[in-house]
Amino acid sequence: MQRSLVYTAILSFFLLGCQNITPVQAPERLIPKQKMESIMYDIAIVNAARGLNVQRLKRYNVSPETYIFEKHNIDSLQFAQSTVYYAANSEEYKEMYLNIEARIEALRKDFQDKEDAFQRRKDSIRTAQVLARRKRDSIKRANGDTTKTTKVQFKRPDISKSAQF
């Protein structure tokens, strides 16, 4: 008897759970899909940067959310309503996130390529310096001169100019 009561309760929960669900209506000021992707991309970039430059943001009194809303000429209510609308359609929302992920991966690859090029350049300069130093050292040894040479410092290129928000 208890077993049939449990089965009946589970069945009734399933039947009650499958009621008609009204779809989310598009808000009056719905943000177009492409623009919404761009906003979500910017939010992802700002959130990643926020973890690295918290002190800089505080020092310059920068609010990332305000910056994004002003950049895209929207307000927080419009963004929230559009987010709810797009999130209600999980397939469309998933497609948007996959597009954003692809853009972030392309940006990461671009930065990695620039870092690799910088490292190759730095290595080739270092190799040239080592070869030049060996040549000078052999000449100095032949002449009996033993003065020290100075070391050259390298500066990383500013890659923040290539980041696109």
Protein backbone atom coordinates (compact mmCIF):
# COMPACT_ATOMS: atom_id res chain seq x y z
CA MET A 1 0.00 0.00 0.00
CA GLN A 2 2.79 2.40 0.86
CA ARG A 3 4.51 1.56 -2.39
CA SER A 4 1.44 2.40 -4.48
CA LEU A 5 0.99 5.63 -2.52
CA VAL A 6 4.59 6.63 -3.33
CA TYR A 7 4.07 5.78 -7.02
CA THR A 8 0.85 7.79 -7.09
CA ALA A 9 2.56 10.78 -5.48
CA ILE A 10 5.46 10.65 -7.96
CA LEU A 11 3.07 10.32 -10.91
CA SER A 12 0.99 13.26 -9.72
CA PHE A 13 4.13 15.42 -9.36
CA PHE A 14 5.11 14.58 -12.95
CA LEU A 15 1.63 15.36 -14.26
CA LEU A 16 1.42 18.63 -12.36
CA GLY A 17 4.92 19.58 -13.49
CA CYS A 18 4.00 19.24 -17.16
CA GLN A 19 1.49 22.08 -17.21
CA ASN A 20 1.43 24.72 -19.89
CA ILE A 21 4.30 27.11 -19.41
CA THR A 22 3.76 30.50 -20.95
CA PRO A 23 6.71 31.66 -23.05
CA VAL A 24 8.59 34.77 -22.02
CA GLN A 25 7.37 37.74 -24.01
CA ALA A 26 9.91 39.95 -25.75
CA PRO A 27 10.37 43.21 -23.84
CA GLU A 28 9.54 46.49 -25.55
CA ARG A 29 13.19 47.50 -25.77
CA LEU A 30 14.70 44.11 -26.61
CA ILE A 31 18.42 44.31 -27.39
CA PRO A 32 19.12 42.69 -30.80
CA LYS A 33 20.89 39.34 -30.64
CA GLN A 34 24.20 40.55 -32.17
CA LYS A 35 24.37 43.56 -29.86
CA MET A 36 23.51 41.35 -26.88
CA GLU A 37 26.40 39.03 -27.82
CA SER A 38 28.71 42.02 -27.99
CA ILE A 39 27.56 43.23 -24.57
CA MET A 40 28.03 39.78 -23.05
CA TYR A 41 31.51 39.56 -24.63
CA ASP A 42 32.46 42.91 -23.13
CA ILE A 43 31.17 41.78 -19.74
CA ALA A 44 33.29 38.63 -19.93
CA ILE A 45 36.41 40.65 -20.80
CA VAL A 46 35.76 43.22 -18.07
CA ASN A 47 35.14 40.49 -15.49
CA ALA A 48 38.44 38.86 -16.43
CA ALA A 49 40.24 42.21 -16.25
CA ARG A 50 38.55 43.04 -12.96
CA GLY A 51 40.32 40.09 -11.36
CA LEU A 52 43.70 41.44 -12.51
CA ASN A 53 43.32 45.19 -12.08
CA VAL A 54 41.08 45.72 -9.07
CA GLN A 55 43.30 48.42 -7.57
CA ARG A 56 43.56 50.31 -10.86
CA LEU A 57 39.78 50.32 -11.25
CA LYS A 58 39.37 51.63 -7.70
CA ARG A 59 42.10 54.24 -8.14
CA TYR A 60 40.46 55.72 -11.24
CA ASN A 61 36.93 55.22 -9.86
CA VAL A 62 35.85 53.15 -12.86
CA SER A 63 32.60 51.18 -12.80
CA PRO A 64 32.82 48.42 -15.43
CA GLU A 65 29.05 47.95 -15.66
CA THR A 66 28.44 51.66 -16.19
CA TYR A 67 31.16 51.71 -18.85
CA ILE A 68 29.56 48.82 -20.75
CA PHE A 69 26.04 50.27 -20.52
CA GLU A 70 27.27 53.65 -21.77
CA LYS A 71 29.34 52.07 -24.53
CA HIS A 72 26.34 50.18 -25.90
CA ASN A 73 23.84 52.95 -25.09
CA ILE A 74 21.59 50.77 -22.93
CA ASP A 75 20.43 50.79 -19.32
CA SER A 76 20.53 48.07 -16.69
CA LEU A 77 16.77 47.37 -16.88
CA GLN A 78 16.92 46.91 -20.65
CA PHE A 79 19.89 44.55 -20.22
CA ALA A 80 18.17 42.55 -17.46
CA GLN A 81 14.93 42.16 -19.44
CA SER A 82 16.80 41.14 -22.58
CA THR A 83 18.89 38.65 -20.61
CA VAL A 84 15.73 37.03 -19.22
CA TYR A 85 14.21 36.86 -22.72
CA TYR A 86 17.26 35.27 -24.34
CA ALA A 87 17.85 32.90 -21.39
CA ALA A 88 14.30 31.55 -21.79
CA ASN A 89 15.33 30.14 -25.19
CA SER A 90 18.18 27.88 -24.12
CA GLU A 91 19.29 26.90 -27.63
CA GLU A 92 19.63 30.52 -28.76
CA TYR A 93 21.37 31.45 -25.51
CA LYS A 94 23.78 28.52 -25.90
CA GLU A 95 24.56 29.63 -29.46
CA MET A 96 25.29 33.14 -28.18
CA TYR A 97 27.66 31.79 -25.54
CA LEU A 98 29.44 29.58 -28.07
CA ASN A 99 29.98 32.63 -30.31
CA ILE A 100 31.33 34.59 -27.35
CA GLU A 101 33.61 31.71 -26.41
CA ALA A 102 34.96 31.60 -29.98
CA ARG A 103 35.68 35.35 -29.88
CA ILE A 104 37.48 35.05 -26.56
CA GLU A 105 39.51 32.11 -27.86
CA ALA A 106 40.49 34.13 -30.95
CA LEU A 107 41.58 37.01 -28.70
CA ARG A 108 43.56 34.63 -26.49
CA LYS A 109 45.26 33.15 -29.57
CA ASP A 110 46.11 36.63 -30.84
CA PHE A 111 47.73 37.53 -27.51
CA GLN A 112 49.57 34.20 -27.44
CA ASP A 113 50.90 34.77 -30.98
CA LYS A 114 52.13 38.24 -29.99
CA GLU A 115 53.78 36.84 -26.85
CA ASP A 116 55.46 34.08 -28.90
CA ALA A 117 56.72 36.61 -31.46
CA PHE A 118 58.07 38.78 -28.65
CA GLN A 119 59.80 35.78 -27.08
CA ARG A 120 61.37 34.76 -30.41
CA ARG A 121 62.61 38.31 -30.96
CA LYS A 122 63.99 38.47 -27.42
CA ASP A 123 65.71 35.09 -27.88
CA SER A 124 67.28 36.12 -31.20
CA ILE A 125 68.58 39.37 -29.67
CA ARG A 126 69.96 37.45 -26.70
CA THR A 127 71.63 34.96 -29.04
CA ALA A 128 73.19 37.79 -31.04
CA GLN A 129 74.43 39.42 -27.82
CA VAL A 130 75.95 36.16 -26.60
CA LEU A 131 77.75 35.66 -29.91
CA ALA A 132 78.98 39.27 -29.88
CA ARG A 133 80.12 38.91 -26.25
CA ARG A 134 82.02 35.72 -27.06
CA LYS A 135 83.72 37.43 -29.96
CA ARG A 136 84.65 40.46 -27.78
CA ASP A 137 85.82 38.17 -24.98
CA SER A 138 88.09 36.22 -27.31
CA ILE A 139 89.55 39.49 -28.65
CA LYS A 140 89.99 40.85 -25.11
CA ARG A 141 91.66 37.65 -23.99
CA ALA A 142 94.00 37.88 -26.93
CA ASN A 143 94.82 41.52 -26.02
CA GLY A 144 94.87 40.90 -22.25
CA ASP A 145 91.84 43.22 -21.56
CA THR A 146 89.33 41.95 -18.95
CA THR A 147 86.74 44.77 -18.53
CA LYS A 148 83.10 43.83 -17.92
CA THR A 149 80.27 44.30 -20.42
CA THR A 150 76.84 45.72 -19.56
CA LYS A 151 73.60 43.76 -19.71
CA VAL A 152 70.70 45.03 -21.87
CA GLN A 153 67.17 45.16 -20.33
CA PHE A 154 64.09 44.22 -22.40
CA LYS A 155 60.63 45.80 -22.16
CA ARG A 156 57.50 43.91 -23.12
CA PRO A 157 55.38 45.54 -25.83
CA ASP A 158 52.10 47.09 -24.68
CA ILE A 159 49.53 44.59 -25.96
CA SER A 160 46.61 46.34 -24.25
CA LYS A 161 46.24 48.60 -27.29
CA SER A 162 45.25 45.65 -29.46
CA ALA A 163 42.49 44.43 -27.09
CA GLN A 164 39.10 45.21 -28.55
CA PHE A 165 36.11 45.78 -26.34
